[in-house]
């Protein structure tokens, strides 16, 4: 049965989609069968994996409104072993359209259950807000991975996210666990980055991954070419970091 990881943080600009794209690609590079699900109406995960978000016929929006089957929504990507359920701006209206639907918190889970056994890992990129789409991701997922940027306001809003995870666990998905925290945009040269890491370790009772994702220009460039970092610059610090993170996550035995 595939392990499902939701990547969430309602704070924008923390490297959430970058982590979703490159973690999924790095796990696929290890020979695993991976499905990426883009739950963000911005569709950046979709375009970052080389799929034209404006040309796809069936997206996660059509899937959640029951206008297509899950198999009809799955696309191939340029990464071997990595498939995608794409997203685009249409998804922005889904929250309102789902208002009258019974068990709307479980729409994605019901669909994903059909194909879960076809994959080793399923990676869900959540929108930068704690809305019904994020709740759907958390009812579907086994764990939540939280990217935290190494900057002054790193902990701001994190308690709200953890509260949401706890609520979902209590009321909707008792099996949901915290995958842990991964630090992004880490700059070994700055005192601030090190202070943020220590501050989070002191204040957060959860697993913190050893791998830290560096602030890296190649990571920032890769999405504009529609390819993950391990294809754009395989030897860059960003590519090596996401490979290490993928090995840490795949190798976890305590979940």
C-alpha atoms as a PDB file:
ATOM      1  CA  UNK A   1       0.000   0.000   0.000  1.00  0.00           C
ATOM      2  CA  UNK A   2       1.372   3.403  -1.007  1.00  0.00           C
ATOM      3  CA  UNK A   3       2.511   5.813   1.689  1.00  0.00           C
ATOM      4  CA  UNK A   4       0.784   9.183   1.326  1.00  0.00           C
ATOM      5  CA  UNK A   5       2.568  12.363   2.388  1.00  0.00           C
ATOM      6  CA  UNK A   6       0.856  15.769   2.401  1.00  0.00           C
ATOM      7  CA  UNK A   7       3.267  18.695   2.222  1.00  0.00           C
ATOM      8  CA  UNK A   8       1.683  21.627   4.004  1.00  0.00           C
ATOM      9  CA  UNK A   9       2.349  25.045   5.438  1.00  0.00           C
ATOM     10  CA  UNK A  10      -0.189  27.870   5.193  1.00  0.00           C
ATOM     11  CA  UNK A  11       2.676  30.355   5.136  1.00  0.00           C
ATOM     12  CA  UNK A  12       3.657  31.177   1.553  1.00  0.00           C
ATOM     13  CA  UNK A  13       7.211  31.247   0.248  1.00  0.00           C
ATOM     14  CA  UNK A  14       8.614  28.484   2.445  1.00  0.00           C
ATOM     15  CA  UNK A  15       9.597  26.102  -0.368  1.00  0.00           C
ATOM     16  CA  UNK A  16       6.511  23.915  -0.117  1.00  0.00           C
ATOM     17  CA  UNK A  17       5.984  23.346  -3.844  1.00  0.00           C
ATOM     18  CA  UNK A  18       9.738  23.145  -4.469  1.00  0.00           C
ATOM     19  CA  UNK A  19       9.869  20.400  -1.843  1.00  0.00           C
ATOM     20  CA  UNK A  20       6.812  18.626  -3.297  1.00  0.00           C
ATOM     21  CA  UNK A  21       8.275  18.562  -6.823  1.00  0.00           C
ATOM     22  CA  UNK A  22      11.809  17.598  -5.913  1.00  0.00           C
ATOM     23  CA  UNK A  23      10.970  15.110  -3.179  1.00  0.00           C
ATOM     24  CA  UNK A  24       8.582  13.283  -5.545  1.00  0.00           C
ATOM     25  CA  UNK A  25      11.199  13.302  -8.348  1.00  0.00           C
ATOM     26  CA  UNK A  26      13.971  12.124  -6.000  1.00  0.00           C
ATOM     27  CA  UNK A  27      11.860   9.244  -4.673  1.00  0.00           C
ATOM     28  CA  UNK A  28      11.038   8.246  -8.275  1.00  0.00           C
ATOM     29  CA  UNK A  29      14.760   8.384  -9.075  1.00  0.00           C
ATOM     30  CA  UNK A  30      15.231   5.701  -6.394  1.00  0.00           C
ATOM     31  CA  UNK A  31      13.097   3.350  -8.507  1.00  0.00           C
ATOM     32  CA  UNK A  32       9.847   3.871  -6.589  1.00  0.00           C
ATOM     33  CA  UNK A  33       6.445   4.332  -8.237  1.00  0.00           C
ATOM     34  CA  UNK A  34       5.300   7.830  -7.298  1.00  0.00           C
ATOM     35  CA  UNK A  35       2.095   9.804  -7.826  1.00  0.00           C
ATOM     36  CA  UNK A  36       2.163  13.575  -7.296  1.00  0.00           C
ATOM     37  CA  UNK A  37      -1.140  15.355  -6.588  1.00  0.00           C
ATOM     38  CA  UNK A  38      -1.254  19.124  -7.128  1.00  0.00           C
ATOM     39  CA  UNK A  39      -3.909  20.536  -4.764  1.00  0.00           C
ATOM     40  CA  UNK A  40      -2.831  24.154  -5.198  1.00  0.00           C
ATOM     41  CA  UNK A  41      -4.916  26.265  -7.654  1.00  0.00           C
ATOM     42  CA  UNK A  42      -1.695  28.038  -8.698  1.00  0.00           C
ATOM     43  CA  UNK A  43      -0.699  24.781 -10.416  1.00  0.00           C
ATOM     44  CA  UNK A  44       3.020  25.337  -9.837  1.00  0.00           C
ATOM     45  CA  UNK A  45       3.705  21.677  -9.118  1.00  0.00           C
ATOM     46  CA  UNK A  46       2.008  20.820 -12.419  1.00  0.00           C
ATOM     47  CA  UNK A  47       4.118  23.200 -14.504  1.00  0.00           C
ATOM     48  CA  UNK A  48       7.227  22.339 -12.477  1.00  0.00           C
ATOM     49  CA  UNK A  49       6.883  18.744 -13.666  1.00  0.00           C
ATOM     50  CA  UNK A  50       6.623  19.737 -17.313  1.00  0.00           C
ATOM     51  CA  UNK A  51       2.834  19.560 -17.732  1.00  0.00           C
ATOM     52  CA  UNK A  52       1.002  22.506 -19.331  1.00  0.00           C
ATOM     53  CA  UNK A  53      -1.621  23.346 -16.691  1.00  0.00           C
ATOM     54  CA  UNK A  54      -3.712  25.309 -19.200  1.00  0.00           C
ATOM     55  CA  UNK A  55      -3.945  22.465 -21.721  1.00  0.00           C
ATOM     56  CA  UNK A  56      -4.866  19.498 -19.510  1.00  0.00           C
ATOM     57  CA  UNK A  57      -8.427  18.265 -19.915  1.00  0.00           C
ATOM     58  CA  UNK A  58      -8.880  16.592 -16.543  1.00  0.00           C
ATOM     59  CA  UNK A  59      -7.407  18.008 -13.346  1.00  0.00           C
ATOM     60  CA  UNK A  60      -7.916  17.475  -9.629  1.00  0.00           C
ATOM     61  CA  UNK A  61     -10.821  19.951  -9.954  1.00  0.00           C
ATOM     62  CA  UNK A  62     -12.757  17.683 -12.346  1.00  0.00           C
ATOM     63  CA  UNK A  63     -11.853  14.705 -10.158  1.00  0.00           C
ATOM     64  CA  UNK A  64     -13.226  16.305  -6.980  1.00  0.00           C
ATOM     65  CA  UNK A  65     -16.442  17.367  -8.729  1.00  0.00           C
ATOM     66  CA  UNK A  66     -16.869  13.790 -10.022  1.00  0.00           C
ATOM     67  CA  UNK A  67     -16.588  14.898 -13.661  1.00  0.00           C
ATOM     68  CA  UNK A  68     -13.859  12.333 -14.386  1.00  0.00           C
ATOM     69  CA  UNK A  69     -12.408   9.182 -12.839  1.00  0.00           C
ATOM     70  CA  UNK A  70      -9.079   9.238 -11.035  1.00  0.00           C
ATOM     71  CA  UNK A  71      -7.423   7.278 -13.837  1.00  0.00           C
ATOM     72  CA  UNK A  72      -8.674   9.857 -16.358  1.00  0.00           C
ATOM     73  CA  UNK A  73      -7.037  12.633 -14.309  1.00  0.00           C
ATOM     74  CA  UNK A  74      -3.576  11.039 -14.027  1.00  0.00           C
ATOM     75  CA  UNK A  75      -0.904  12.349 -16.433  1.00  0.00           C
ATOM     76  CA  UNK A  76       2.591  11.154 -17.252  1.00  0.00           C
ATOM     77  CA  UNK A  77       5.436  13.555 -16.430  1.00  0.00           C
ATOM     78  CA  UNK A  78       8.928  13.893 -17.851  1.00  0.00           C
ATOM     79  CA  UNK A  79      10.241  11.982 -14.824  1.00  0.00           C
ATOM     80  CA  UNK A  80      10.374   8.209 -15.183  1.00  0.00           C
ATOM     81  CA  UNK A  81       8.218   6.519 -12.546  1.00  0.00           C
ATOM     82  CA  UNK A  82       6.467   9.768 -11.562  1.00  0.00           C
ATOM     83  CA  UNK A  83       2.862  10.467 -12.553  1.00  0.00           C
ATOM     84  CA  UNK A  84       0.728  13.489 -11.727  1.00  0.00           C
ATOM     85  CA  UNK A  85      -2.827  14.616 -11.047  1.00  0.00           C
ATOM     86  CA  UNK A  86      -2.530  18.215 -12.298  1.00  0.00           C
ATOM     87  CA  UNK A  87      -4.157  21.425 -11.131  1.00  0.00           C
ATOM     88  CA  UNK A  88      -4.938  24.862 -12.508  1.00  0.00           C
ATOM     89  CA  UNK A  89      -6.820  28.022 -11.557  1.00  0.00           C
ATOM     90  CA  UNK A  90     -10.208  26.269 -11.891  1.00  0.00           C
ATOM     91  CA  UNK A  91      -9.533  24.653  -8.531  1.00  0.00           C
ATOM     92  CA  UNK A  92      -9.894  28.045  -6.831  1.00  0.00           C
ATOM     93  CA  UNK A  93     -13.685  27.731  -7.114  1.00  0.00           C
ATOM     94  CA  UNK A  94     -13.859  24.206  -5.739  1.00  0.00           C
ATOM     95  CA  UNK A  95     -14.347  25.311  -2.134  1.00  0.00           C
ATOM     96  CA  UNK A  96     -17.676  26.983  -2.948  1.00  0.00           C
ATOM     97  CA  UNK A  97     -18.832  24.216  -5.303  1.00  0.00           C
ATOM     98  CA  UNK A  98     -18.201  21.562  -2.651  1.00  0.00           C
ATOM     99  CA  UNK A  99     -20.286  23.354   0.015  1.00  0.00           C
ATOM    100  CA  UNK A 100     -23.436  21.255  -0.378  1.00  0.00           C
ATOM    101  CA  UNK A 101     -21.714  17.893  -0.815  1.00  0.00           C
ATOM    102  CA  UNK A 102     -21.926  15.287   1.937  1.00  0.00           C
ATOM    103  CA  UNK A 103     -18.598  14.067   3.341  1.00  0.00           C
ATOM    104  CA  UNK A 104     -16.783  16.714   1.303  1.00  0.00           C
ATOM    105  CA  UNK A 105     -13.727  16.259   3.542  1.00  0.00           C
ATOM    106  CA  UNK A 106     -13.253  12.757   2.114  1.00  0.00           C
ATOM    107  CA  UNK A 107     -13.679  13.383  -1.642  1.00  0.00           C
ATOM    108  CA  UNK A 108      -9.979  13.066  -2.460  1.00  0.00           C
ATOM    109  CA  UNK A 109      -9.478  10.090  -0.125  1.00  0.00           C
ATOM    110  CA  UNK A 110     -12.376   8.172  -1.724  1.00  0.00           C
ATOM    111  CA  UNK A 111     -10.832   8.679  -5.176  1.00  0.00           C
ATOM    112  CA  UNK A 112      -7.239   7.937  -4.143  1.00  0.00           C
ATOM    113  CA  UNK A 113      -8.217   4.711  -2.354  1.00  0.00           C
ATOM    114  CA  UNK A 114      -8.935   3.191  -5.790  1.00  0.00           C
ATOM    115  CA  UNK A 115      -5.356   3.553  -7.013  1.00  0.00           C
ATOM    116  CA  UNK A 116      -3.350   3.674  -3.780  1.00  0.00           C
ATOM    117  CA  UNK A 117      -1.906   0.181  -4.233  1.00  0.00           C
ATOM    118  CA  UNK A 118      -0.516   1.130  -7.668  1.00  0.00           C
ATOM    119  CA  UNK A 119       2.101   3.426  -6.089  1.00  0.00           C
ATOM    120  CA  UNK A 120       4.836   3.232  -3.462  1.00  0.00           C
ATOM    121  CA  UNK A 121       4.506   6.906  -2.546  1.00  0.00           C
ATOM    122  CA  UNK A 122       1.882   9.595  -3.131  1.00  0.00           C
ATOM    123  CA  UNK A 123       2.993  13.205  -2.554  1.00  0.00           C
ATOM    124  CA  UNK A 124       0.322  15.905  -2.184  1.00  0.00           C
ATOM    125  CA  UNK A 125       1.196  19.585  -2.614  1.00  0.00           C
ATOM    126  CA  UNK A 126      -1.256  21.574  -0.464  1.00  0.00           C
ATOM    127  CA  UNK A 127      -2.336  25.183  -1.068  1.00  0.00           C
ATOM    128  CA  UNK A 128      -0.829  27.893   1.178  1.00  0.00           C
ATOM    129  CA  UNK A 129      -3.955  28.091   3.355  1.00  0.00           C
ATOM    130  CA  UNK A 130      -5.854  25.916   5.810  1.00  0.00           C
ATOM    131  CA  UNK A 131      -8.969  25.399   3.670  1.00  0.00           C
ATOM    132  CA  UNK A 132     -11.126  22.483   2.508  1.00  0.00           C
ATOM    133  CA  UNK A 133      -8.489  21.423  -0.030  1.00  0.00           C
ATOM    134  CA  UNK A 134      -5.873  21.133   2.727  1.00  0.00           C
ATOM    135  CA  UNK A 135      -8.353  19.204   4.894  1.00  0.00           C
ATOM    136  CA  UNK A 136      -8.952  16.823   1.952  1.00  0.00           C
ATOM    137  CA  UNK A 137      -5.198  16.291   1.679  1.00  0.00           C
ATOM    138  CA  UNK A 138      -4.948  15.523   5.391  1.00  0.00           C
ATOM    139  CA  UNK A 139      -7.864  13.059   5.408  1.00  0.00           C
ATOM    140  CA  UNK A 140      -6.163  11.273   2.481  1.00  0.00           C
ATOM    141  CA  UNK A 141      -2.616  11.326   3.883  1.00  0.00           C
ATOM    142  CA  UNK A 142      -0.780   9.113   6.334  1.00  0.00           C
ATOM    143  CA  UNK A 143       1.581  11.898   7.348  1.00  0.00           C
ATOM    144  CA  UNK A 144       2.136  15.658   7.013  1.00  0.00           C
ATOM    145  CA  UNK A 145       5.566  17.042   6.140  1.00  0.00           C
ATOM    146  CA  UNK A 146       6.063  20.709   7.024  1.00  0.00           C
ATOM    147  CA  UNK A 147       8.743  22.753   5.225  1.00  0.00           C
ATOM    148  CA  UNK A 148       9.999  25.630   7.389  1.00  0.00           C
ATOM    149  CA  UNK A 149      12.013  28.482   5.956  1.00  0.00           C
ATOM    150  CA  UNK A 150      15.095  29.492   7.924  1.00  0.00           C
ATOM    151  CA  UNK A 151      13.975  33.040   8.610  1.00  0.00           C
ATOM    152  CA  UNK A 152      12.901  35.170  11.565  1.00  0.00           C
ATOM    153  CA  UNK A 153       9.154  34.386  11.409  1.00  0.00           C
ATOM    154  CA  UNK A 154       9.640  30.651  10.898  1.00  0.00           C
ATOM    155  CA  UNK A 155       7.425  29.625  13.816  1.00  0.00           C
ATOM    156  CA  UNK A 156       4.670  32.123  13.012  1.00  0.00           C
ATOM    157  CA  UNK A 157       1.472  30.295  12.099  1.00  0.00           C
ATOM    158  CA  UNK A 158       3.010  26.900  12.813  1.00  0.00           C
ATOM    159  CA  UNK A 159       0.919  26.402  15.956  1.00  0.00           C
ATOM    160  CA  UNK A 160      -2.211  26.993  13.859  1.00  0.00           C
ATOM    161  CA  UNK A 161      -1.080  24.355  11.341  1.00  0.00           C
ATOM    162  CA  UNK A 162      -0.347  21.837  14.104  1.00  0.00           C
ATOM    163  CA  UNK A 163      -3.754  22.605  15.646  1.00  0.00           C
ATOM    164  CA  UNK A 164      -5.400  21.842  12.277  1.00  0.00           C
ATOM    165  CA  UNK A 165      -3.445  18.585  11.978  1.00  0.00           C
ATOM    166  CA  UNK A 166      -4.572  17.615  15.493  1.00  0.00           C
ATOM    167  CA  UNK A 167      -8.206  18.454  14.701  1.00  0.00           C
ATOM    168  CA  UNK A 168      -8.145  16.366  11.517  1.00  0.00           C
ATOM    169  CA  UNK A 169      -6.557  13.531  13.477  1.00  0.00           C
ATOM    170  CA  UNK A 170      -9.205  13.795  16.186  1.00  0.00           C
ATOM    171  CA  UNK A 171     -12.289  14.128  13.974  1.00  0.00           C
ATOM    172  CA  UNK A 172     -11.559  12.886  10.452  1.00  0.00           C
ATOM    173  CA  UNK A 173      -8.389  10.795  10.146  1.00  0.00           C
ATOM    174  CA  UNK A 174      -7.235   9.129  13.382  1.00  0.00           C
ATOM    175  CA  UNK A 175      -4.278   7.540  11.559  1.00  0.00           C
ATOM    176  CA  UNK A 176      -2.763  10.883  10.512  1.00  0.00           C
ATOM    177  CA  UNK A 177       0.727  11.478  11.886  1.00  0.00           C
ATOM    178  CA  UNK A 178       3.251  14.294  11.727  1.00  0.00           C
ATOM    179  CA  UNK A 179       5.919  13.226   9.230  1.00  0.00           C
ATOM    180  CA  UNK A 180       8.113  15.971  10.601  1.00  0.00           C
ATOM    181  CA  UNK A 181       9.772  19.235   9.675  1.00  0.00           C
ATOM    182  CA  UNK A 182      12.295  19.965   6.951  1.00  0.00           C
ATOM    183  CA  UNK A 183      14.270  23.214   6.941  1.00  0.00           C
ATOM    184  CA  UNK A 184      14.429  25.052   3.606  1.00  0.00           C
ATOM    185  CA  UNK A 185      16.452  28.012   2.307  1.00  0.00           C
ATOM    186  CA  UNK A 186      19.159  27.225   4.845  1.00  0.00           C
ATOM    187  CA  UNK A 187      22.270  29.375   4.646  1.00  0.00           C
ATOM    188  CA  UNK A 188      25.141  27.885   6.636  1.00  0.00           C
ATOM    189  CA  UNK A 189      26.939  31.255   6.597  1.00  0.00           C
ATOM    190  CA  UNK A 190      24.263  33.141   8.523  1.00  0.00           C
ATOM    191  CA  UNK A 191      23.804  33.171  12.254  1.00  0.00           C
ATOM    192  CA  UNK A 192      20.037  33.581  11.720  1.00  0.00           C
ATOM    193  CA  UNK A 193      19.639  30.220   9.953  1.00  0.00           C
ATOM    194  CA  UNK A 194      21.334  28.435  12.842  1.00  0.00           C
ATOM    195  CA  UNK A 195      19.266  30.345  15.430  1.00  0.00           C
ATOM    196  CA  UNK A 196      16.014  29.409  13.636  1.00  0.00           C
ATOM    197  CA  UNK A 197      16.997  25.733  13.587  1.00  0.00           C
ATOM    198  CA  UNK A 198      17.774  25.776  17.315  1.00  0.00           C
ATOM    199  CA  UNK A 199      14.578  27.706  18.104  1.00  0.00           C
ATOM    200  CA  UNK A 200      12.390  25.200  16.246  1.00  0.00           C
ATOM    201  CA  UNK A 201      14.145  22.247  17.882  1.00  0.00           C
ATOM    202  CA  UNK A 202      13.483  23.767  21.308  1.00  0.00           C
ATOM    203  CA  UNK A 203       9.837  24.609  20.646  1.00  0.00           C
ATOM    204  CA  UNK A 204       8.578  21.779  18.451  1.00  0.00           C
ATOM    205  CA  UNK A 205       7.928  18.275  19.686  1.00  0.00           C
ATOM    206  CA  UNK A 206       8.201  16.441  16.366  1.00  0.00           C
ATOM    207  CA  UNK A 207      10.749  14.764  14.132  1.00  0.00           C
ATOM    208  CA  UNK A 208      13.126  17.173  12.431  1.00  0.00           C
ATOM    209  CA  UNK A 209      14.874  15.806   9.359  1.00  0.00           C
ATOM    210  CA  UNK A 210      18.652  15.980   9.368  1.00  0.00           C
ATOM    211  CA  UNK A 211      18.755  17.061   5.740  1.00  0.00           C
ATOM    212  CA  UNK A 212      18.459  20.816   5.319  1.00  0.00           C
ATOM    213  CA  UNK A 213      17.630  22.283   1.917  1.00  0.00           C
ATOM    214  CA  UNK A 214      20.088  25.082   1.107  1.00  0.00           C
ATOM    215  CA  UNK A 215      19.327  28.439  -0.423  1.00  0.00           C
ATOM    216  CA  UNK A 216      20.343  27.552  -3.973  1.00  0.00           C
ATOM    217  CA  UNK A 217      20.008  29.480  -7.239  1.00  0.00           C
ATOM    218  CA  UNK A 218      19.710  26.298  -9.323  1.00  0.00           C
ATOM    219  CA  UNK A 219      16.672  25.236  -7.262  1.00  0.00           C
ATOM    220  CA  UNK A 220      15.040  28.575  -8.022  1.00  0.00           C
ATOM    221  CA  UNK A 221      15.771  28.285 -11.760  1.00  0.00           C
ATOM    222  CA  UNK A 222      14.567  24.705 -12.356  1.00  0.00           C
ATOM    223  CA  UNK A 223      10.767  25.363 -12.286  1.00  0.00           C
ATOM    224  CA  UNK A 224      11.001  27.870 -15.148  1.00  0.00           C
ATOM    225  CA  UNK A 225      12.283  25.009 -17.325  1.00  0.00           C
ATOM    226  CA  UNK A 226       9.510  22.660 -16.174  1.00  0.00           C
ATOM    227  CA  UNK A 227      11.894  20.076 -14.743  1.00  0.00           C
ATOM    228  CA  UNK A 228      12.893  19.033 -11.215  1.00  0.00           C
ATOM    229  CA  UNK A 229      16.337  19.874  -9.872  1.00  0.00           C
ATOM    230  CA  UNK A 230      17.741  16.351 -10.309  1.00  0.00           C
ATOM    231  CA  UNK A 231      17.193  16.712 -14.081  1.00  0.00           C
ATOM    232  CA  UNK A 232      18.074  20.412 -14.338  1.00  0.00           C
ATOM    233  CA  UNK A 233      21.386  20.244 -12.462  1.00  0.00           C
ATOM    234  CA  UNK A 234      21.968  16.781 -11.061  1.00  0.00           C
ATOM    235  CA  UNK A 235      25.167  17.714  -9.212  1.00  0.00           C
ATOM    236  CA  UNK A 236      23.918  20.913  -7.596  1.00  0.00           C
ATOM    237  CA  UNK A 237      23.664  21.285  -3.816  1.00  0.00           C
ATOM    238  CA  UNK A 238      19.868  21.451  -4.157  1.00  0.00           C
ATOM    239  CA  UNK A 239      19.662  18.144  -6.048  1.00  0.00           C
ATOM    240  CA  UNK A 240      21.946  16.394  -3.570  1.00  0.00           C
ATOM    241  CA  UNK A 241      19.921  17.718  -0.622  1.00  0.00           C
ATOM    242  CA  UNK A 242      16.603  16.475  -1.997  1.00  0.00           C
ATOM    243  CA  UNK A 243      18.162  13.063  -2.712  1.00  0.00           C
ATOM    244  CA  UNK A 244      19.304  12.890   0.912  1.00  0.00           C
ATOM    245  CA  UNK A 245      15.862  13.946   2.158  1.00  0.00           C
ATOM    246  CA  UNK A 246      14.206  11.305  -0.065  1.00  0.00           C
ATOM    247  CA  UNK A 247      16.493   8.610   1.383  1.00  0.00           C
ATOM    248  CA  UNK A 248      15.675   9.746   4.929  1.00  0.00           C
ATOM    249  CA  UNK A 249      11.930   9.669   4.271  1.00  0.00           C
ATOM    250  CA  UNK A 250      11.897   6.368   2.331  1.00  0.00           C
ATOM    251  CA  UNK A 251      14.088   4.782   5.000  1.00  0.00           C
ATOM    252  CA  UNK A 252      11.867   5.681   7.968  1.00  0.00           C
ATOM    253  CA  UNK A 253      10.830   2.623   9.935  1.00  0.00           C
ATOM    254  CA  UNK A 254       9.082   4.342  12.851  1.00  0.00           C
ATOM    255  CA  UNK A 255       5.833   5.299  11.118  1.00  0.00           C
END
